[in-house]
Amino acid sequence: MAKLGTILAITGVAVVSIGVGIGGTLAGMHLWANRAKTAAAAPPPLVPKPIYFADLSDVVVSLPPEADQPATSYVSFGIEFATTDQKAVAAFGNYQPIIKAGIISLLMAETGDALQQPQVRAELIHNCLDVANEVLKANDAAGATPPFGNAYITDLVIQD
């Protein structure tokens, strides 16, 4: 009887071990299958688009130092427009004289003192960006979205 009890105990341990092994294998397969589905469903990492710049430099305009005075000073101005669309840079080159004329008009409406204020410079950047985008849009060189997303003043020298 002791021998039979030992055989039954060993058999019981073997059956439980096999059951645990099979259960662990099935659980592992289930977990790996879910992980593979999750990894396959994850979107690919975003690759940033390159940024291209369109340069408008060497704009020199006479302007008054203060309002209601004659134009006795001048400003040397340069700005770069940023885009992720390389076609917008080529179109900018084609329409640069029109864009430059619009920006000269914007500068001529300012004074030397006003251009030294950060708020006026921020507004000037915004208005220059609007001029460039509107010229390209008016000449069918832009899609539904504005081609240039930002502009940066690269040169601003006011000489009295």
C-alpha atoms as a PDB file:
ATOM      1  CA  MET A   1       0.000   0.000   0.000  1.00  0.00           C
ATOM      2  CA  ALA A   2       2.823   2.357   0.713  1.00  0.00           C
ATOM      3  CA  LYS A   3       4.148   1.636  -2.691  1.00  0.00           C
ATOM      4  CA  LEU A   4       0.786   2.412  -4.274  1.00  0.00           C
ATOM      5  CA  GLY A   5       0.537   5.674  -2.307  1.00  0.00           C
ATOM      6  CA  THR A   6       3.975   6.744  -3.531  1.00  0.00           C
ATOM      7  CA  ILE A   7       3.095   5.939  -7.140  1.00  0.00           C
ATOM      8  CA  LEU A   8      -0.149   7.895  -6.852  1.00  0.00           C
ATOM      9  CA  ALA A   9       1.670  10.848  -5.282  1.00  0.00           C
ATOM     10  CA  ILE A  10       4.314  10.863  -8.022  1.00  0.00           C
ATOM     11  CA  THR A  11       1.642  10.538 -10.695  1.00  0.00           C
ATOM     12  CA  GLY A  12      -0.335  13.387  -9.125  1.00  0.00           C
ATOM     13  CA  VAL A  13       2.743  15.612  -9.031  1.00  0.00           C
ATOM     14  CA  ALA A  14       3.511  14.731 -12.668  1.00  0.00           C
ATOM     15  CA  VAL A  15      -0.068  15.486 -13.777  1.00  0.00           C
ATOM     16  CA  VAL A  16      -0.080  18.813 -11.903  1.00  0.00           C
ATOM     17  CA  SER A  17       3.344  19.728 -13.369  1.00  0.00           C
ATOM     18  CA  ILE A  18       2.204  18.910 -16.895  1.00  0.00           C
ATOM     19  CA  GLY A  19      -0.997  20.901 -16.328  1.00  0.00           C
ATOM     20  CA  VAL A  20       0.950  23.911 -15.040  1.00  0.00           C
ATOM     21  CA  GLY A  21       3.344  23.656 -17.989  1.00  0.00           C
ATOM     22  CA  ILE A  22       0.515  23.501 -20.531  1.00  0.00           C
ATOM     23  CA  GLY A  23      -1.338  26.346 -18.794  1.00  0.00           C
ATOM     24  CA  GLY A  24       1.793  28.498 -18.727  1.00  0.00           C
ATOM     25  CA  THR A  25       2.453  27.805 -22.392  1.00  0.00           C
ATOM     26  CA  LEU A  26      -1.096  28.739 -23.379  1.00  0.00           C
ATOM     27  CA  ALA A  27      -0.978  31.908 -21.268  1.00  0.00           C
ATOM     28  CA  GLY A  28       2.385  32.882 -22.800  1.00  0.00           C
ATOM     29  CA  MET A  29       1.081  32.300 -26.332  1.00  0.00           C
ATOM     30  CA  HIS A  30      -1.965  34.428 -25.567  1.00  0.00           C
ATOM     31  CA  LEU A  31       0.132  37.283 -24.147  1.00  0.00           C
ATOM     32  CA  TRP A  32       2.612  37.228 -27.058  1.00  0.00           C
ATOM     33  CA  ALA A  33      -0.236  37.213 -29.577  1.00  0.00           C
ATOM     34  CA  ASN A  34      -1.778  40.313 -27.963  1.00  0.00           C
ATOM     35  CA  ARG A  35       1.600  42.054 -27.846  1.00  0.00           C
ATOM     36  CA  ALA A  36       2.184  41.324 -31.556  1.00  0.00           C
ATOM     37  CA  LYS A  37      -1.250  42.743 -32.417  1.00  0.00           C
ATOM     38  CA  THR A  38      -0.542  45.886 -30.378  1.00  0.00           C
ATOM     39  CA  ALA A  39       2.864  46.361 -31.991  1.00  0.00           C
ATOM     40  CA  ALA A  40       1.413  45.865 -35.473  1.00  0.00           C
ATOM     41  CA  ALA A  41      -1.363  48.389 -34.799  1.00  0.00           C
ATOM     42  CA  ALA A  42       1.030  51.097 -33.559  1.00  0.00           C
ATOM     43  CA  PRO A  43       1.540  53.894 -36.093  1.00  0.00           C
ATOM     44  CA  PRO A  44       4.985  54.335 -37.571  1.00  0.00           C
ATOM     45  CA  PRO A  45       7.099  57.039 -35.954  1.00  0.00           C
ATOM     46  CA  LEU A  46       6.657  60.511 -37.404  1.00  0.00           C
ATOM     47  CA  VAL A  47       9.562  61.777 -39.450  1.00  0.00           C
ATOM     48  CA  PRO A  48       9.854  65.570 -39.321  1.00  0.00           C
ATOM     49  CA  LYS A  49       9.646  67.354 -42.636  1.00  0.00           C
ATOM     50  CA  PRO A  50      12.652  69.438 -43.635  1.00  0.00           C
ATOM     51  CA  ILE A  51      12.296  73.199 -43.333  1.00  0.00           C
ATOM     52  CA  TYR A  52      13.136  75.396 -46.317  1.00  0.00           C
ATOM     53  CA  PHE A  53      13.772  79.129 -46.199  1.00  0.00           C
ATOM     54  CA  ALA A  54      13.012  81.861 -48.704  1.00  0.00           C
ATOM     55  CA  ASP A  55      15.245  84.883 -48.172  1.00  0.00           C
ATOM     56  CA  LEU A  56      14.384  88.508 -48.774  1.00  0.00           C
ATOM     57  CA  SER A  57      17.337  90.691 -47.863  1.00  0.00           C
ATOM     58  CA  ASP A  58      18.874  94.038 -48.727  1.00  0.00           C
ATOM     59  CA  VAL A  59      15.650  96.006 -48.386  1.00  0.00           C
ATOM     60  CA  VAL A  60      16.606  99.618 -47.652  1.00  0.00           C
ATOM     61  CA  VAL A  61      13.889 102.207 -47.005  1.00  0.00           C
ATOM     62  CA  SER A  62      13.976 105.866 -45.966  1.00  0.00           C
ATOM     63  CA  LEU A  63      11.701 106.664 -43.069  1.00  0.00           C
ATOM     64  CA  PRO A  64      11.132 109.397 -40.523  1.00  0.00           C
ATOM     65  CA  PRO A  65      12.600 108.975 -37.053  1.00  0.00           C
ATOM     66  CA  GLU A  66       9.264 110.056 -35.552  1.00  0.00           C
ATOM     67  CA  ALA A  67       5.739 110.607 -36.882  1.00  0.00           C
ATOM     68  CA  ASP A  68       5.074 113.823 -38.839  1.00  0.00           C
ATOM     69  CA  GLN A  69       8.745 114.427 -39.604  1.00  0.00           C
ATOM     70  CA  PRO A  70      10.638 114.187 -42.884  1.00  0.00           C
ATOM     71  CA  ALA A  71      12.402 110.970 -43.793  1.00  0.00           C
ATOM     72  CA  THR A  72      15.895 111.573 -42.449  1.00  0.00           C
ATOM     73  CA  SER A  73      16.793 108.020 -41.435  1.00  0.00           C
ATOM     74  CA  TYR A  74      16.784 104.723 -43.174  1.00  0.00           C
ATOM     75  CA  VAL A  75      16.245 101.102 -42.272  1.00  0.00           C
ATOM     76  CA  SER A  76      18.068  98.100 -43.701  1.00  0.00           C
ATOM     77  CA  PHE A  77      15.803  95.096 -43.447  1.00  0.00           C
ATOM     78  CA  GLY A  78      16.045  91.368 -44.142  1.00  0.00           C
ATOM     79  CA  ILE A  79      13.561  88.582 -43.478  1.00  0.00           C
ATOM     80  CA  GLU A  80      13.377  84.842 -44.101  1.00  0.00           C
ATOM     81  CA  PHE A  81      10.165  82.888 -44.605  1.00  0.00           C
ATOM     82  CA  ALA A  82       9.989  79.269 -43.393  1.00  0.00           C
ATOM     83  CA  THR A  83       8.094  76.465 -45.127  1.00  0.00           C
ATOM     84  CA  THR A  84       8.090  72.688 -45.461  1.00  0.00           C
ATOM     85  CA  ASP A  85       7.074  72.965 -49.134  1.00  0.00           C
ATOM     86  CA  GLN A  86      10.048  73.238 -51.470  1.00  0.00           C
ATOM     87  CA  LYS A  87       7.744  74.418 -54.280  1.00  0.00           C
ATOM     88  CA  ALA A  88       6.847  77.481 -52.204  1.00  0.00           C
ATOM     89  CA  VAL A  89      10.512  78.542 -52.182  1.00  0.00           C
ATOM     90  CA  ALA A  90      10.651  78.307 -55.987  1.00  0.00           C
ATOM     91  CA  ALA A  91       7.404  80.262 -56.315  1.00  0.00           C
ATOM     92  CA  PHE A  92       8.763  82.863 -53.881  1.00  0.00           C
ATOM     93  CA  GLY A  93      11.709  83.407 -56.211  1.00  0.00           C
ATOM     94  CA  ASN A  94       9.346  84.022 -59.128  1.00  0.00           C
ATOM     95  CA  TYR A  95       7.209  86.567 -57.255  1.00  0.00           C
ATOM     96  CA  GLN A  96       9.923  88.134 -55.076  1.00  0.00           C
ATOM     97  CA  PRO A  97       9.664  91.626 -56.660  1.00  0.00           C
ATOM     98  CA  ILE A  98       5.946  91.799 -55.822  1.00  0.00           C
ATOM     99  CA  ILE A  99       6.540  90.553 -52.275  1.00  0.00           C
ATOM    100  CA  LYS A 100       9.437  92.981 -51.832  1.00  0.00           C
ATOM    101  CA  ALA A 101       7.252  95.909 -52.967  1.00  0.00           C
ATOM    102  CA  GLY A 102       4.591  94.966 -50.406  1.00  0.00           C
ATOM    103  CA  ILE A 103       7.149  94.761 -47.625  1.00  0.00           C
ATOM    104  CA  ILE A 104       8.663  98.112 -48.623  1.00  0.00           C
ATOM    105  CA  SER A 105       5.180  99.620 -48.307  1.00  0.00           C
ATOM    106  CA  LEU A 106       4.854  98.127 -44.829  1.00  0.00           C
ATOM    107  CA  LEU A 107       8.211  99.557 -43.763  1.00  0.00           C
ATOM    108  CA  MET A 108       7.451 103.008 -45.159  1.00  0.00           C
ATOM    109  CA  ALA A 109       4.396 103.189 -42.883  1.00  0.00           C
ATOM    110  CA  GLU A 110       6.655 102.850 -39.810  1.00  0.00           C
ATOM    111  CA  THR A 111       9.022 105.212 -38.004  1.00  0.00           C
ATOM    112  CA  GLY A 112      12.515 104.584 -36.708  1.00  0.00           C
ATOM    113  CA  ASP A 113      11.332 104.852 -33.114  1.00  0.00           C
ATOM    114  CA  ALA A 114       8.411 102.477 -33.651  1.00  0.00           C
ATOM    115  CA  LEU A 115      10.622  99.746 -35.160  1.00  0.00           C
ATOM    116  CA  GLN A 116      12.591  99.579 -31.929  1.00  0.00           C
ATOM    117  CA  GLN A 117       9.521  98.307 -30.047  1.00  0.00           C
ATOM    118  CA  PRO A 118       9.130  94.500 -29.841  1.00  0.00           C
ATOM    119  CA  GLN A 119       5.368  94.650 -30.377  1.00  0.00           C
ATOM    120  CA  VAL A 120       5.783  96.626 -33.612  1.00  0.00           C
ATOM    121  CA  ARG A 121       8.420  94.164 -34.868  1.00  0.00           C
ATOM    122  CA  ALA A 122       6.133  91.215 -34.076  1.00  0.00           C
ATOM    123  CA  GLU A 123       3.312  92.892 -36.003  1.00  0.00           C
ATOM    124  CA  LEU A 124       5.697  93.608 -38.885  1.00  0.00           C
ATOM    125  CA  ILE A 125       6.704  89.940 -39.035  1.00  0.00           C
ATOM    126  CA  HIS A 126       3.042  88.913 -39.107  1.00  0.00           C
ATOM    127  CA  ASN A 127       2.232  91.461 -41.847  1.00  0.00           C
ATOM    128  CA  CYS A 128       5.239  90.408 -43.956  1.00  0.00           C
ATOM    129  CA  LEU A 129       4.130  86.797 -43.660  1.00  0.00           C
ATOM    130  CA  ASP A 130       0.638  87.795 -44.794  1.00  0.00           C
ATOM    131  CA  VAL A 131       2.068  89.695 -47.796  1.00  0.00           C
ATOM    132  CA  ALA A 132       4.161  86.726 -48.944  1.00  0.00           C
ATOM    133  CA  ASN A 133       1.323  84.212 -48.531  1.00  0.00           C
ATOM    134  CA  GLU A 134      -1.251  86.479 -50.224  1.00  0.00           C
ATOM    135  CA  VAL A 135       0.994  87.145 -53.243  1.00  0.00           C
ATOM    136  CA  LEU A 136       1.589  83.430 -53.771  1.00  0.00           C
ATOM    137  CA  LYS A 137      -2.093  82.641 -53.300  1.00  0.00           C
ATOM    138  CA  ALA A 138      -3.177  85.427 -55.697  1.00  0.00           C
ATOM    139  CA  ASN A 139      -0.878  84.009 -58.374  1.00  0.00           C
ATOM    140  CA  ASP A 140      -2.013  80.390 -57.903  1.00  0.00           C
ATOM    141  CA  ALA A 141       1.343  79.403 -56.451  1.00  0.00           C
ATOM    142  CA  ALA A 142      -0.164  78.226 -53.160  1.00  0.00           C
ATOM    143  CA  GLY A 143      -2.688  75.578 -52.195  1.00  0.00           C
ATOM    144  CA  ALA A 144      -5.488  75.858 -49.680  1.00  0.00           C
ATOM    145  CA  THR A 145      -3.079  76.309 -46.768  1.00  0.00           C
ATOM    146  CA  PRO A 146      -0.632  79.210 -46.597  1.00  0.00           C
ATOM    147  CA  PRO A 147       2.759  78.077 -47.929  1.00  0.00           C
ATOM    148  CA  PHE A 148       4.819  79.946 -45.328  1.00  0.00           C
ATOM    149  CA  GLY A 149       4.191  79.197 -41.685  1.00  0.00           C
ATOM    150  CA  ASN A 150       6.647  81.553 -40.059  1.00  0.00           C
ATOM    151  CA  ALA A 151       9.011  84.432 -40.748  1.00  0.00           C
ATOM    152  CA  TYR A 152      12.176  85.602 -39.047  1.00  0.00           C
ATOM    153  CA  ILE A 153      13.797  89.025 -39.188  1.00  0.00           C
ATOM    154  CA  THR A 154      17.441  88.462 -40.077  1.00  0.00           C
ATOM    155  CA  ASP A 155      18.521  92.077 -40.501  1.00  0.00           C
ATOM    156  CA  LEU A 156      17.113  95.244 -38.959  1.00  0.00           C
ATOM    157  CA  VAL A 157      19.420  98.258 -38.852  1.00  0.00           C
ATOM    158  CA  ILE A 158      17.993 101.705 -38.236  1.00  0.00           C
ATOM    159  CA  GLN A 159      20.351 104.540 -39.146  1.00  0.00           C
ATOM    160  CA  ASP A 160      19.512 108.060 -38.019  1.00  0.00           C
END
